[in-house]
Amino acid sequence: MLDQEMLHALLSDWPLIQITGKAGIPPEIYRFTYNVKGLYVSGSGEILERDSHILELNLSLGYPRRAPQCRMLTPVFHPNFDDSMVCIGDFWAASEGLDDLIIRVGRMISYQEYNTKSPLNGLAAKWAAQNRHLLPIDARPIAPPISDKQPASPPTDEPSASLTPLPAPSSEPEFASGTGDPWSEKIIIAGEGQST
């Protein structure tokens, strides 16, 4: 139920990612529509852009210890996608939330994130390695802005000044530069706060 409430609060007014279906009480299966640019292979073998993608996410019996099962219902040409699954095993941890996962899949579709070292689709990995100058396919921030109830700070010339960073548990975090996506800051902070 907490996952459902969090996803609805996060995505209710965000046009790039929408919850377009769910099953179960509380939901065990979700369907998300991503309105971001990605790639697919046409019937004639051409690599073309697509503006809309549908993901089905199934919370496995061992969730959250076991990663949710993700599969695309629309074709995606990406090193970490195949016809039956999305490779999320490299970064899933029980402490990661569904919100983190949903944002990460959107980044993957748009080629803001990809791993060519252990691909599900070798041809897509080779294409991505040879065409880095074309990536990302969609550079927009995939995550909705992180809202905060505090008063707005005065505008500055720095583009990241409007972002409200989350408090770091111990020391000042170093954020990924140039992403323009406040969600990447959340993921980095969450990773630093985990005990080993």
N, C-alpha and C. Protein backbone atom coordinates (compact mmCIF):
# COMPACT_ATOMS: atom_id res chain seq x y z
N MET A 1 0.83 -1.20 0.00
CA MET A 1 0.00 0.00 0.00
C MET A 1 0.87 1.25 0.00
N LEU A 2 1.98 1.19 0.76
CA LEU A 2 2.88 2.34 0.82
C LEU A 2 3.47 2.63 -0.57
N ASP A 3 3.86 1.57 -1.28
CA ASP A 3 4.38 1.75 -2.65
C ASP A 3 3.33 2.41 -3.54
N GLN A 4 2.09 1.94 -3.45
CA GLN A 4 1.03 2.50 -4.27
C GLN A 4 0.82 3.98 -3.97
N GLU A 5 0.76 4.34 -2.70
CA GLU A 5 0.55 5.74 -2.33
C GLU A 5 1.72 6.61 -2.81
N MET A 6 2.94 6.10 -2.63
CA MET A 6 4.11 6.86 -3.04
C MET A 6 4.14 7.08 -4.54
N LEU A 7 3.83 6.02 -5.32
CA LEU A 7 3.83 6.15 -6.78
C LEU A 7 2.76 7.13 -7.25
N HIS A 8 1.58 7.07 -6.66
CA HIS A 8 0.52 8.00 -7.05
C HIS A 8 0.88 9.44 -6.71
N ALA A 9 1.47 9.65 -5.54
CA ALA A 9 1.88 11.01 -5.16
C ALA A 9 2.97 11.53 -6.09
N LEU A 10 3.89 10.67 -6.46
CA LEU A 10 5.01 11.07 -7.30
C LEU A 10 4.60 11.35 -8.74
N LEU A 11 3.74 10.49 -9.31
CA LEU A 11 3.47 10.54 -10.74
C LEU A 11 2.13 11.14 -11.12
N SER A 12 1.33 11.57 -10.15
CA SER A 12 -0.04 12.01 -10.45
C SER A 12 -0.10 13.16 -11.46
N ASP A 13 0.84 14.09 -11.42
CA ASP A 13 0.80 15.23 -12.34
C ASP A 13 2.01 15.26 -13.26
N TRP A 14 2.65 14.12 -13.50
CA TRP A 14 3.88 14.08 -14.30
C TRP A 14 3.59 13.46 -15.66
N PRO A 15 3.72 14.23 -16.75
CA PRO A 15 3.33 13.72 -18.06
C PRO A 15 4.30 12.69 -18.66
N LEU A 16 5.53 12.61 -18.18
CA LEU A 16 6.50 11.70 -18.81
C LEU A 16 6.33 10.25 -18.37
N ILE A 17 5.80 10.02 -17.18
CA ILE A 17 5.56 8.66 -16.69
C ILE A 17 4.17 8.62 -16.07
N GLN A 18 3.35 7.69 -16.53
CA GLN A 18 1.98 7.59 -16.02
C GLN A 18 1.67 6.15 -15.64
N ILE A 19 0.94 5.99 -14.55
CA ILE A 19 0.43 4.67 -14.19
C ILE A 19 -0.82 4.45 -15.03
N THR A 20 -0.78 3.47 -15.91
CA THR A 20 -1.91 3.25 -16.82
C THR A 20 -2.65 1.96 -16.53
N GLY A 21 -2.25 1.24 -15.49
CA GLY A 21 -2.97 0.03 -15.11
C GLY A 21 -2.38 -0.58 -13.86
N LYS A 22 -3.21 -1.32 -13.12
CA LYS A 22 -2.72 -2.05 -11.95
C LYS A 22 -3.72 -3.16 -11.63
N ALA A 23 -3.21 -4.21 -10.98
CA ALA A 23 -4.05 -5.34 -10.61
C ALA A 23 -3.67 -5.80 -9.21
N GLY A 24 -4.69 -6.15 -8.43
CA GLY A 24 -4.48 -6.62 -7.07
C GLY A 24 -4.78 -5.54 -6.05
N ILE A 25 -5.06 -5.98 -4.82
CA ILE A 25 -5.31 -5.06 -3.72
C ILE A 25 -4.46 -5.52 -2.54
N PRO A 26 -3.40 -4.86 -2.19
CA PRO A 26 -2.77 -3.76 -2.92
C PRO A 26 -2.19 -4.26 -4.24
N PRO A 27 -1.90 -3.36 -5.16
CA PRO A 27 -1.45 -3.79 -6.49
C PRO A 27 -0.18 -4.63 -6.44
N GLU A 28 -0.20 -5.72 -7.22
CA GLU A 28 0.97 -6.57 -7.39
C GLU A 28 1.52 -6.44 -8.80
N ILE A 29 0.68 -5.96 -9.72
CA ILE A 29 1.10 -5.74 -11.10
C ILE A 29 0.76 -4.31 -11.47
N TYR A 30 1.73 -3.63 -12.05
CA TYR A 30 1.55 -2.25 -12.52
C TYR A 30 1.85 -2.19 -14.00
N ARG A 31 1.21 -1.26 -14.66
CA ARG A 31 1.53 -0.93 -16.05
C ARG A 31 1.83 0.57 -16.10
N PHE A 32 3.00 0.90 -16.63
CA PHE A 32 3.44 2.30 -16.73
C PHE A 32 3.61 2.66 -18.19
N THR A 33 3.21 3.87 -18.55
CA THR A 33 3.46 4.40 -19.89
C THR A 33 4.49 5.51 -19.76
N TYR A 34 5.57 5.37 -20.52
CA TYR A 34 6.65 6.37 -20.55
C TYR A 34 6.48 7.19 -21.82
N ASN A 35 6.31 8.48 -21.67
CA ASN A 35 6.20 9.38 -22.81
C ASN A 35 7.56 10.06 -23.03
N VAL A 36 8.54 9.23 -23.35
CA VAL A 36 9.91 9.68 -23.59
C VAL A 36 10.40 9.05 -24.90
N LYS A 37 11.39 9.68 -25.50
CA LYS A 37 11.94 9.14 -26.74
C LYS A 37 12.86 7.97 -26.45
N GLY A 38 12.69 6.92 -27.20
CA GLY A 38 13.54 5.74 -27.14
C GLY A 38 13.66 5.16 -28.53
N LEU A 39 14.30 4.01 -28.64
CA LEU A 39 14.53 3.39 -29.94
C LEU A 39 13.85 2.03 -30.02
N TYR A 40 13.54 1.63 -31.24
CA TYR A 40 13.06 0.28 -31.51
C TYR A 40 13.50 -0.10 -32.91
N VAL A 41 13.43 -1.38 -33.23
CA VAL A 41 13.81 -1.86 -34.56
C VAL A 41 12.53 -2.15 -35.33
N SER A 42 12.40 -1.53 -36.50
CA SER A 42 11.21 -1.73 -37.33
C SER A 42 11.27 -3.11 -37.99
N GLY A 43 10.18 -3.49 -38.61
CA GLY A 43 10.11 -4.77 -39.33
C GLY A 43 11.13 -4.88 -40.44
N SER A 44 11.52 -3.74 -41.01
CA SER A 44 12.51 -3.75 -42.10
C SER A 44 13.94 -3.69 -41.57
N GLY A 45 14.10 -3.67 -40.23
CA GLY A 45 15.44 -3.66 -39.64
C GLY A 45 16.02 -2.30 -39.35
N GLU A 46 15.25 -1.23 -39.59
CA GLU A 46 15.74 0.12 -39.29
C GLU A 46 15.59 0.42 -37.80
N ILE A 47 16.53 1.17 -37.26
CA ILE A 47 16.45 1.64 -35.87
C ILE A 47 15.73 2.99 -35.90
N LEU A 48 14.56 3.03 -35.28
CA LEU A 48 13.72 4.22 -35.33
C LEU A 48 13.39 4.70 -33.92
N GLU A 49 12.98 5.96 -33.82
CA GLU A 49 12.54 6.52 -32.54
C GLU A 49 11.08 6.21 -32.29
N ARG A 50 10.76 6.08 -31.01
CA ARG A 50 9.37 5.92 -30.57
C ARG A 50 9.18 6.85 -29.38
N ASP A 51 8.00 7.48 -29.28
CA ASP A 51 7.74 8.46 -28.23
C ASP A 51 6.96 7.91 -27.04
N SER A 52 6.49 6.68 -27.13
CA SER A 52 5.69 6.11 -26.05
C SER A 52 6.07 4.65 -25.86
N HIS A 53 6.23 4.25 -24.59
CA HIS A 53 6.66 2.89 -24.26
C HIS A 53 5.84 2.40 -23.08
N ILE A 54 5.54 1.11 -23.05
CA ILE A 54 4.72 0.55 -21.97
C ILE A 54 5.52 -0.52 -21.24
N LEU A 55 5.60 -0.38 -19.92
CA LEU A 55 6.30 -1.32 -19.05
C LEU A 55 5.29 -2.03 -18.16
N GLU A 56 5.44 -3.34 -18.02
CA GLU A 56 4.66 -4.09 -17.03
C GLU A 56 5.61 -4.51 -15.91
N LEU A 57 5.21 -4.22 -14.68
CA LEU A 57 6.03 -4.52 -13.51
C LEU A 57 5.24 -5.44 -12.59
N ASN A 58 5.84 -6.58 -12.25
CA ASN A 58 5.19 -7.58 -11.42
C ASN A 58 5.99 -7.74 -10.14
N LEU A 59 5.35 -7.47 -9.00
CA LEU A 59 6.02 -7.63 -7.72
C LEU A 59 6.07 -9.12 -7.38
N SER A 60 7.25 -9.69 -7.37
CA SER A 60 7.42 -11.12 -7.14
C SER A 60 7.06 -11.46 -5.69
N LEU A 61 6.91 -12.75 -5.42
CA LEU A 61 6.52 -13.21 -4.10
C LEU A 61 7.54 -12.78 -3.04
N GLY A 62 8.81 -12.72 -3.39
CA GLY A 62 9.85 -12.34 -2.44
C GLY A 62 10.14 -10.86 -2.39
N TYR A 63 9.32 -10.02 -3.03
CA TYR A 63 9.54 -8.57 -3.03
C TYR A 63 9.39 -8.05 -1.61
N PRO A 64 10.23 -7.16 -1.10
CA PRO A 64 11.26 -6.41 -1.81
C PRO A 64 12.65 -7.04 -1.82
N ARG A 65 12.81 -8.19 -1.14
CA ARG A 65 14.14 -8.81 -1.18
C ARG A 65 14.51 -9.22 -2.60
N ARG A 66 13.54 -9.72 -3.32
CA ARG A 66 13.77 -10.08 -4.73
C ARG A 66 13.25 -8.95 -5.61
N ALA A 67 13.98 -8.70 -6.67
CA ALA A 67 13.63 -7.60 -7.58
C ALA A 67 12.29 -7.85 -8.25
N PRO A 68 11.53 -6.79 -8.51
CA PRO A 68 10.31 -6.94 -9.32
C PRO A 68 10.69 -7.44 -10.72
N GLN A 69 9.75 -8.13 -11.34
CA GLN A 69 9.97 -8.58 -12.72
C GLN A 69 9.44 -7.50 -13.65
N CYS A 70 10.30 -7.03 -14.55
CA CYS A 70 9.93 -5.96 -15.47
C CYS A 70 10.03 -6.45 -16.89
N ARG A 71 9.02 -6.15 -17.69
CA ARG A 71 9.10 -6.47 -19.12
C ARG A 71 8.39 -5.38 -19.90
N MET A 72 8.96 -5.09 -21.06
CA MET A 72 8.37 -4.07 -21.92
C MET A 72 7.28 -4.71 -22.77
N LEU A 73 6.16 -4.02 -22.90
CA LEU A 73 5.08 -4.47 -23.77
C LEU A 73 5.18 -3.84 -25.15
N THR A 74 6.04 -2.84 -25.28
CA THR A 74 6.36 -2.26 -26.59
C THR A 74 7.85 -2.52 -26.82
N PRO A 75 8.26 -2.73 -28.07
CA PRO A 75 9.67 -3.06 -28.32
C PRO A 75 10.60 -1.88 -28.01
N VAL A 76 11.75 -2.20 -27.41
CA VAL A 76 12.77 -1.20 -27.10
C VAL A 76 14.12 -1.76 -27.56
N PHE A 77 14.86 -0.96 -28.30
CA PHE A 77 16.22 -1.33 -28.73
C PHE A 77 17.18 -0.70 -27.73
N HIS A 78 17.71 -1.53 -26.83
CA HIS A 78 18.55 -1.04 -25.74
C HIS A 78 19.41 -2.22 -25.26
N PRO A 79 20.65 -1.96 -24.86
CA PRO A 79 21.50 -3.07 -24.43
C PRO A 79 20.95 -3.87 -23.26
N ASN A 80 20.14 -3.27 -22.41
CA ASN A 80 19.69 -3.95 -21.20
C ASN A 80 18.22 -4.35 -21.24
N PHE A 81 17.65 -4.43 -22.45
CA PHE A 81 16.28 -4.89 -22.64
C PHE A 81 16.29 -6.03 -23.66
N ASP A 82 15.43 -7.02 -23.45
CA ASP A 82 15.13 -7.96 -24.52
C ASP A 82 13.62 -8.15 -24.57
N ASP A 83 13.16 -9.09 -25.36
CA ASP A 83 11.71 -9.24 -25.55
C ASP A 83 10.98 -9.65 -24.27
N SER A 84 11.68 -10.31 -23.35
CA SER A 84 10.98 -10.84 -22.19
C SER A 84 11.30 -10.13 -20.88
N MET A 85 12.36 -9.31 -20.85
CA MET A 85 12.70 -8.71 -19.56
C MET A 85 13.54 -7.45 -19.70
N VAL A 86 13.58 -6.71 -18.59
CA VAL A 86 14.46 -5.55 -18.44
C VAL A 86 15.48 -5.95 -17.38
N CYS A 87 16.76 -5.77 -17.67
CA CYS A 87 17.81 -6.16 -16.74
C CYS A 87 17.96 -5.10 -15.67
N ILE A 88 17.42 -5.39 -14.48
CA ILE A 88 17.55 -4.47 -13.35
C ILE A 88 18.38 -5.07 -12.23
N GLY A 89 18.83 -6.29 -12.41
CA GLY A 89 19.53 -7.01 -11.35
C GLY A 89 20.81 -6.35 -10.90
N ASP A 90 21.48 -5.60 -11.77
CA ASP A 90 22.75 -4.98 -11.41
C ASP A 90 22.60 -3.91 -10.34
N PHE A 91 21.42 -3.32 -10.21
CA PHE A 91 21.28 -2.21 -9.27
C PHE A 91 20.15 -2.39 -8.27
N TRP A 92 19.42 -3.51 -8.30
CA TRP A 92 18.31 -3.67 -7.37
C TRP A 92 18.84 -4.02 -5.98
N ALA A 93 18.27 -3.39 -4.98
CA ALA A 93 18.52 -3.72 -3.57
C ALA A 93 17.19 -3.58 -2.86
N ALA A 94 17.01 -4.35 -1.79
CA ALA A 94 15.73 -4.31 -1.07
C ALA A 94 15.43 -2.91 -0.55
N SER A 95 16.47 -2.10 -0.34
CA SER A 95 16.26 -0.75 0.16
C SER A 95 15.84 0.23 -0.94
N GLU A 96 15.95 -0.18 -2.21
CA GLU A 96 15.54 0.70 -3.31
C GLU A 96 14.02 0.65 -3.42
N GLY A 97 13.41 1.79 -3.65
CA GLY A 97 11.97 1.84 -3.77
C GLY A 97 11.51 1.65 -5.21
N LEU A 98 10.23 1.38 -5.36
CA LEU A 98 9.67 1.28 -6.72
C LEU A 98 9.82 2.59 -7.47
N ASP A 99 9.74 3.71 -6.75
CA ASP A 99 9.90 5.01 -7.41
C ASP A 99 11.27 5.11 -8.06
N ASP A 100 12.32 4.67 -7.35
CA ASP A 100 13.67 4.69 -7.92
C ASP A 100 13.74 3.83 -9.18
N LEU A 101 13.15 2.64 -9.10
CA LEU A 101 13.18 1.71 -10.22
C LEU A 101 12.45 2.27 -11.44
N ILE A 102 11.27 2.84 -11.23
CA ILE A 102 10.48 3.37 -12.34
C ILE A 102 11.23 4.51 -13.03
N ILE A 103 11.86 5.38 -12.26
CA ILE A 103 12.63 6.47 -12.84
C ILE A 103 13.82 5.91 -13.61
N ARG A 104 14.50 4.91 -13.04
CA ARG A 104 15.68 4.34 -13.70
C ARG A 104 15.31 3.69 -15.03
N VAL A 105 14.19 2.99 -15.10
CA VAL A 105 13.77 2.38 -16.36
C VAL A 105 13.53 3.47 -17.41
N GLY A 106 12.93 4.58 -17.01
CA GLY A 106 12.74 5.69 -17.94
C GLY A 106 14.06 6.24 -18.46
N ARG A 107 15.03 6.34 -17.56
CA ARG A 107 16.36 6.79 -17.99
C ARG A 107 16.99 5.80 -18.95
N MET A 108 16.74 4.53 -18.71
CA MET A 108 17.29 3.51 -19.61
C MET A 108 16.64 3.61 -20.99
N ILE A 109 15.33 3.73 -21.04
CA ILE A 109 14.64 3.83 -22.33
C ILE A 109 15.21 4.98 -23.15
N SER A 110 15.49 6.11 -22.50
CA SER A 110 15.96 7.30 -23.20
C SER A 110 17.48 7.31 -23.41
N TYR A 111 18.15 6.23 -23.02
CA TYR A 111 19.61 6.09 -23.14
C TYR A 111 20.36 7.09 -22.27
N GLN A 112 19.75 7.55 -21.19
CA GLN A 112 20.51 8.31 -20.20
C GLN A 112 21.33 7.35 -19.35
N GLU A 113 20.90 6.08 -19.29
CA GLU A 113 21.64 5.02 -18.60
C GLU A 113 21.63 3.79 -19.47
N TYR A 114 22.79 3.14 -19.55
CA TYR A 114 22.89 1.85 -20.24
C TYR A 114 24.19 1.18 -19.82
N ASN A 115 24.20 -0.13 -19.89
CA ASN A 115 25.38 -0.91 -19.54
C ASN A 115 25.72 -1.81 -20.72
N THR A 116 26.84 -1.55 -21.35
CA THR A 116 27.26 -2.37 -22.50
C THR A 116 28.16 -3.52 -22.09
N LYS A 117 28.51 -3.62 -20.80
CA LYS A 117 29.44 -4.66 -20.33
C LYS A 117 28.75 -6.01 -20.17
N SER A 118 27.49 -6.03 -19.75
CA SER A 118 26.77 -7.31 -19.62
C SER A 118 25.38 -7.15 -20.24
N PRO A 119 25.32 -7.05 -21.58
CA PRO A 119 24.06 -6.73 -22.24
C PRO A 119 23.13 -7.94 -22.40
N LEU A 120 21.84 -7.65 -22.44
CA LEU A 120 20.85 -8.64 -22.87
C LEU A 120 20.74 -8.62 -24.40
N ASN A 121 21.02 -7.47 -25.00
CA ASN A 121 20.94 -7.31 -26.44
C ASN A 121 22.31 -6.86 -26.94
N GLY A 122 23.09 -7.82 -27.45
CA GLY A 122 24.45 -7.53 -27.91
C GLY A 122 24.50 -6.55 -29.06
N LEU A 123 23.54 -6.62 -29.98
CA LEU A 123 23.51 -5.70 -31.11
C LEU A 123 23.28 -4.26 -30.64
N ALA A 124 22.36 -4.08 -29.68
CA ALA A 124 22.10 -2.74 -29.14
C ALA A 124 23.33 -2.23 -28.38
N ALA A 125 24.04 -3.11 -27.68
CA ALA A 125 25.25 -2.69 -26.97
C ALA A 125 26.31 -2.22 -27.96
N LYS A 126 26.47 -2.94 -29.05
CA LYS A 126 27.45 -2.55 -30.07
C LYS A 126 27.04 -1.21 -30.70
N TRP A 127 25.75 -1.05 -31.00
CA TRP A 127 25.26 0.20 -31.58
C TRP A 127 25.51 1.36 -30.63
N ALA A 128 25.20 1.18 -29.33
CA ALA A 128 25.38 2.25 -28.35
C ALA A 128 26.85 2.64 -28.23
N ALA A 129 27.74 1.66 -28.24
CA ALA A 129 29.17 1.95 -28.14
C ALA A 129 29.66 2.74 -29.35
N GLN A 130 29.10 2.45 -30.52
CA GLN A 130 29.54 3.12 -31.75
C GLN A 130 28.85 4.47 -31.95
N ASN A 131 27.76 4.73 -31.25
CA ASN A 131 26.98 5.95 -31.49
C ASN A 131 26.78 6.79 -30.23
N ARG A 132 27.78 6.83 -29.37
CA ARG A 132 27.67 7.62 -28.13
C ARG A 132 27.38 9.09 -28.40
N HIS A 133 27.82 9.58 -29.54
CA HIS A 133 27.59 10.99 -29.87
C HIS A 133 26.11 11.29 -30.09
N LEU A 134 25.28 10.27 -30.31
CA LEU A 134 23.84 10.45 -30.51
C LEU A 134 23.05 10.34 -29.21
N LEU A 135 23.72 10.00 -28.12
CA LEU A 135 23.03 9.70 -26.87
C LEU A 135 23.16 10.85 -25.88
N PRO A 136 22.18 11.06 -25.04
CA PRO A 136 20.94 10.29 -24.90
C PRO A 136 19.95 10.62 -26.01
N ILE A 137 19.02 9.73 -26.24
CA ILE A 137 17.97 9.94 -27.23
C ILE A 137 17.02 11.04 -26.76
N ASP A 138 16.73 11.05 -25.46
CA ASP A 138 15.88 12.07 -24.84
C ASP A 138 16.62 12.57 -23.61
N ALA A 139 17.03 13.83 -23.62
CA ALA A 139 17.84 14.38 -22.54
C ALA A 139 17.02 15.04 -21.42
N ARG A 140 15.70 15.06 -21.55
CA ARG A 140 14.88 15.70 -20.52
C ARG A 140 15.00 14.96 -19.19
N PRO A 141 14.85 15.66 -18.08
CA PRO A 141 14.81 14.97 -16.78
C PRO A 141 13.61 14.03 -16.75
N ILE A 142 13.86 12.76 -16.47
CA ILE A 142 12.80 11.75 -16.48
C ILE A 142 11.96 11.82 -15.20
N ALA A 143 12.58 12.17 -14.10
CA ALA A 143 11.88 12.21 -12.82
C ALA A 143 11.15 13.53 -12.64
N PRO A 144 10.01 13.49 -11.95
CA PRO A 144 9.35 14.74 -11.61
C PRO A 144 10.22 15.53 -10.65
N PRO A 145 10.07 16.86 -10.63
CA PRO A 145 10.85 17.65 -9.68
C PRO A 145 10.53 17.24 -8.25
N ILE A 146 11.53 17.23 -7.42
CA ILE A 146 11.32 16.90 -6.02
C ILE A 146 10.78 18.15 -5.34
N SER A 147 9.55 18.06 -4.86
CA SER A 147 8.93 19.23 -4.23
C SER A 147 9.26 19.25 -2.75
N ASP A 148 9.28 20.44 -2.23
CA ASP A 148 9.58 20.63 -0.81
C ASP A 148 8.66 21.74 -0.31
N LYS A 149 8.16 21.63 0.87
CA LYS A 149 7.22 22.60 1.41
C LYS A 149 7.90 23.87 1.92
N GLN A 150 9.23 23.95 1.84
CA GLN A 150 9.93 25.13 2.31
C GLN A 150 9.77 26.27 1.33
N PRO A 151 9.91 27.52 1.79
CA PRO A 151 9.80 28.66 0.89
C PRO A 151 10.89 28.61 -0.18
N ALA A 152 10.55 29.11 -1.35
CA ALA A 152 11.50 29.09 -2.46
C ALA A 152 12.67 30.01 -2.17
N SER A 153 13.86 29.57 -2.57
CA SER A 153 15.04 30.41 -2.39
C SER A 153 15.13 31.39 -3.55
N PRO A 154 15.82 32.52 -3.36
CA PRO A 154 15.92 33.49 -4.43
C PRO A 154 16.65 32.92 -5.64
N PRO A 155 16.26 33.34 -6.86
CA PRO A 155 16.89 32.80 -8.05
C PRO A 155 18.36 33.20 -8.14
N THR A 156 19.17 32.29 -8.72
CA THR A 156 20.58 32.56 -8.97
C THR A 156 20.89 32.20 -10.41
N ASP A 157 22.13 32.44 -10.80
CA ASP A 157 22.53 32.12 -12.18
C ASP A 157 22.83 30.65 -12.38
N GLU A 158 23.01 29.88 -11.30
CA GLU A 158 23.34 28.47 -11.44
C GLU A 158 22.08 27.68 -11.75
N PRO A 159 22.11 26.79 -12.79
CA PRO A 159 20.91 26.04 -13.14
C PRO A 159 20.46 25.08 -12.07
N SER A 160 21.37 24.53 -11.26
CA SER A 160 20.97 23.57 -10.26
C SER A 160 20.49 24.22 -8.97
N ALA A 161 20.54 25.54 -8.87
CA ALA A 161 20.18 26.20 -7.63
C ALA A 161 18.70 26.04 -7.29
N SER A 162 17.84 25.80 -8.27
CA SER A 162 16.42 25.65 -7.99
C SER A 162 16.09 24.27 -7.43
N LEU A 163 17.04 23.34 -7.49
CA LEU A 163 16.80 22.00 -6.97
C LEU A 163 16.98 22.02 -5.46
N THR A 164 16.15 21.26 -4.76
CA THR A 164 16.27 21.17 -3.32
C THR A 164 16.92 19.84 -3.00
N PRO A 165 18.22 19.84 -2.63
CA PRO A 165 18.87 18.56 -2.35
C PRO A 165 18.34 17.96 -1.06
N LEU A 166 18.30 16.63 -1.01
CA LEU A 166 17.89 15.94 0.20
C LEU A 166 19.04 15.97 1.19
N PRO A 167 18.77 15.97 2.49
CA PRO A 167 19.86 16.00 3.45
C PRO A 167 20.66 14.71 3.41
N ALA A 168 21.98 14.85 3.48
CA ALA A 168 22.86 13.69 3.50
C ALA A 168 22.95 13.17 4.92
N PRO A 169 23.03 11.84 5.10
CA PRO A 169 23.06 11.30 6.44
C PRO A 169 24.32 11.65 7.22
N SER A 170 25.49 11.76 6.55
CA SER A 170 26.70 12.00 7.31
C SER A 170 27.50 13.17 6.80
N SER A 171 27.84 13.18 5.53
CA SER A 171 28.67 14.25 4.99
C SER A 171 28.03 14.81 3.74
N GLU A 172 28.59 15.89 3.23
CA GLU A 172 28.06 16.51 2.03
C GLU A 172 28.22 15.58 0.84
N PRO A 173 27.15 15.27 0.09
CA PRO A 173 27.26 14.38 -1.05
C PRO A 173 27.82 15.10 -2.27
N GLU A 174 28.39 14.31 -3.14
CA GLU A 174 28.80 14.85 -4.44
C GLU A 174 27.78 14.36 -5.44
N PHE A 175 27.10 15.30 -6.11
CA PHE A 175 26.05 14.93 -7.04
C PHE A 175 26.62 14.74 -8.42
N ALA A 176 25.95 13.89 -9.21
CA ALA A 176 26.35 13.71 -10.60
C ALA A 176 26.19 15.04 -11.31
N SER A 177 27.21 15.45 -12.01
CA SER A 177 27.16 16.77 -12.66
C SER A 177 26.53 16.67 -14.03
N GLY A 178 25.82 17.69 -14.38
CA GLY A 178 25.27 17.81 -15.73
C GLY A 178 24.02 17.01 -16.00
N THR A 179 23.46 16.30 -15.01
CA THR A 179 22.28 15.50 -15.30
C THR A 179 21.04 16.36 -15.38
N GLY A 180 20.96 17.44 -14.59
CA GLY A 180 19.77 18.28 -14.59
C GLY A 180 18.57 17.54 -14.04
N ASP A 181 18.79 16.41 -13.41
CA ASP A 181 17.71 15.56 -12.94
C ASP A 181 17.83 15.40 -11.43
N PRO A 182 16.94 16.03 -10.64
CA PRO A 182 17.07 15.95 -9.20
C PRO A 182 16.95 14.53 -8.66
N TRP A 183 16.36 13.63 -9.42
CA TRP A 183 16.19 12.27 -8.95
C TRP A 183 17.53 11.55 -8.85
N SER A 184 18.47 11.90 -9.75
CA SER A 184 19.78 11.28 -9.66
C SER A 184 20.45 11.63 -8.34
N GLU A 185 20.19 12.84 -7.82
CA GLU A 185 20.73 13.20 -6.52
C GLU A 185 20.14 12.31 -5.44
N LYS A 186 18.86 12.01 -5.53
CA LYS A 186 18.22 11.17 -4.53
C LYS A 186 18.84 9.79 -4.53
N ILE A 187 19.07 9.24 -5.70
CA ILE A 187 19.63 7.89 -5.78
C ILE A 187 21.04 7.87 -5.19
N ILE A 188 21.84 8.87 -5.52
CA ILE A 188 23.21 8.89 -5.00
C ILE A 188 23.20 9.03 -3.48
N ILE A 189 22.36 9.90 -2.96
CA ILE A 189 22.30 10.09 -1.51
C ILE A 189 21.86 8.80 -0.82
N ALA A 190 20.85 8.14 -1.37
CA ALA A 190 20.35 6.92 -0.76
C ALA A 190 21.45 5.87 -0.74
N GLY A 191 22.26 5.78 -1.78
CA GLY A 191 23.35 4.81 -1.82
C GLY A 191 24.41 5.12 -0.80
N GLU A 192 24.70 6.40 -0.56
CA GLU A 192 25.74 6.76 0.42
C GLU A 192 25.27 6.51 1.84
N GLY A 193 23.97 6.55 2.06
CA GLY A 193 23.46 6.41 3.42
C GLY A 193 23.35 4.98 3.90
N GLN A 194 23.59 4.00 3.04
CA GLN A 194 23.46 2.61 3.43
C GLN A 194 24.67 2.17 4.23
N SER A 195 24.44 1.39 5.26
CA SER A 195 25.57 0.89 6.04
C SER A 195 26.11 -0.37 5.39
N THR A 196 27.39 -0.64 5.59
CA THR A 196 27.99 -1.83 5.00
C THR A 196 28.22 -2.89 6.03
